[in-house]
Amino acid sequence: MFWRVALPLARPGIAAGAALACMEIAADYGAAQHFGLTTLSTAMFRAWYAHGEPGAALQISGVLLAAAMLFLFIERSARGRASYAGGSSRWRPLPRYT
């Protein structure tokens, strides 16, 4: 039941969460810098400002963007023509009661 029901219903949420995590990694520079962590975002800024290599910073950010887009593409191709919200021909509005 997990493979046939739960996983197909959870797949859009998992893919959206992974893409959001990749985009947050790219955008979250301040907290990582404050705690002294080395992340992809701090590596981008270090490559650009400290080493004077904007090309290297572009390559690092391109890898992160490609990972986010890869997660979305995998989810979309795995979903196929399945739909998870609305669009049902059996849907009817509820009758109004006074």
Foldseek 3Di string as FASTA:
>chain_A
DCVPPVCLLCLVVVLVVVLVVLVCQLVPDVVCVVVVHDGLNVVLVCCCPVVVHNVVSVVSNVVSNVSSVVSVVVSDVVNDPDDDDDPDPPDDDDDDDD
